[in-house]
Amino acid sequence: MGDKVHDYLVDWVINYLKNRDLLVKRIETIEKDNSGFDVYVKFKDKEQFFIISPLMKEVDKALSKFDPDRHFGLVVLNTTGNFDALVKEWGKFVKFKHLSVYFVNPFSQLDKRWIIFPYTHNNICGEGALKKGLMAMFEMVEPVTESMIKDRFE
């Protein structure tokens, strides 16, 4: 997956965050490419840094940039491979109290995104029900396939 997909998702998440903030007006600034992160958001009460990684191939590399005490977002495409990586590496994600993972398909006819907060979810969901619960959220958004990406971006 090339830079076109990455750049599209950077713009998508910025627009999503701005639209979500229309009523509450908590965002002070949004910047691209700040401190080694794809998107930086300064809210009135916190800062949040985003990594846009269309495919979760290098989970350890992305997570190594996160500080357990700061707010982070990881934006990925809603693919079966990304879902499987989340489940497989769940123990690594739950170590970050303020991490949110956005699974997106901007072209979905259903919802466009689902968001998981692994630390919080882990505290309220039993391990036996983890995959089933995550799958229910995953299925709310159409999965992205490689052919969809090629059709849109190549």
Foldseek 3Di string as FASTA:
>chain_A
DDPVVQVVVLVVVVVVVCVVCVPVVQWDDWDAPDPNAGIWTDGVVFIEGEHEDQAPPPVVVVLVVDDLVHAYEYEYELAPRRLVVCLVVLVSQLSRQRYKYWHADCPWPFDGIDIDRSVVCPVVDDNVCVSVVSVVRSVRTDGDDPVNCVVPPD
